[in-house]
Amino acid sequence: MDAVRVALLREVLAGTEWPAAARRFAGALRSSVLPNGGGLLLVGTVEYEPWHLAAHLVDEAAWSGRPELAPTLVRHRVRAGDPAHLAVGLGRLESAGRGATLLMVAPRRPDAPLLERVHDARRAGATVLSLEGGDAEVRGLAHETLTVAEGAAEVDLDTVQHLVSAATGENGLPTVAPGARRGFRDRLSRLADQLTAPPPARW
């Protein structure tokens, strides 16, 4: 989702909790990943693989100049012949320890083997974050969680993933000194915010 569409989405959701909640969660993700120079693992459930979030985080990592934010997508089923970036299986979680960040996306309760692996990774020192649909055990495993309950009035989990990935990249932009030239993406985001802002009141 490009900067203009994200700005429009935030405009639609203005007045709800979601833009601020997504930025808070993105900040937690960034503060875990950047000091460790990367190590972000992204995993879903057997029924739900977060392909789009992985792709958006890769884009945001490139646009923000923070390659550490690009995740490794951990998959439940890896087939012979899959390209290298799609051939990382659940065994990768066994080596997730201190310095690793594990982001789990779980619209519904994951199966027991995945929960056990995530629990083991946390005990080994990994930071666990979850985007989830309201399961108490998933929330209990995570250091930071963002809950999108099924049937939420304003958003669904896919929409929140767009907000989180965009906020992760924006929050990762380097500080710009006064008078310095801003990057293209930063200027585009500011322009989008201006274009979508309501007109000034006329009295």
Foldseek 3Di string as FASTA:
>chain_A
DALLVLLVLCLVCPPHCQLVLLLVLLVVVLVLQVVLLAQEEEEEALVDFPPVLLVLQCVLCVQQVNNSSRYQYEYCDADPPDPPSRRHYPVVLQPQAASHEYEYEYADDHDPVVLVSLQNNVVRHYAYEYEYADDPSNVVSHPYYDHDHPPDPSDHSVSSSVSNSVSNSVVSHDDDDPPGDDDPSVVVNVVSNVVSDDDDDDD
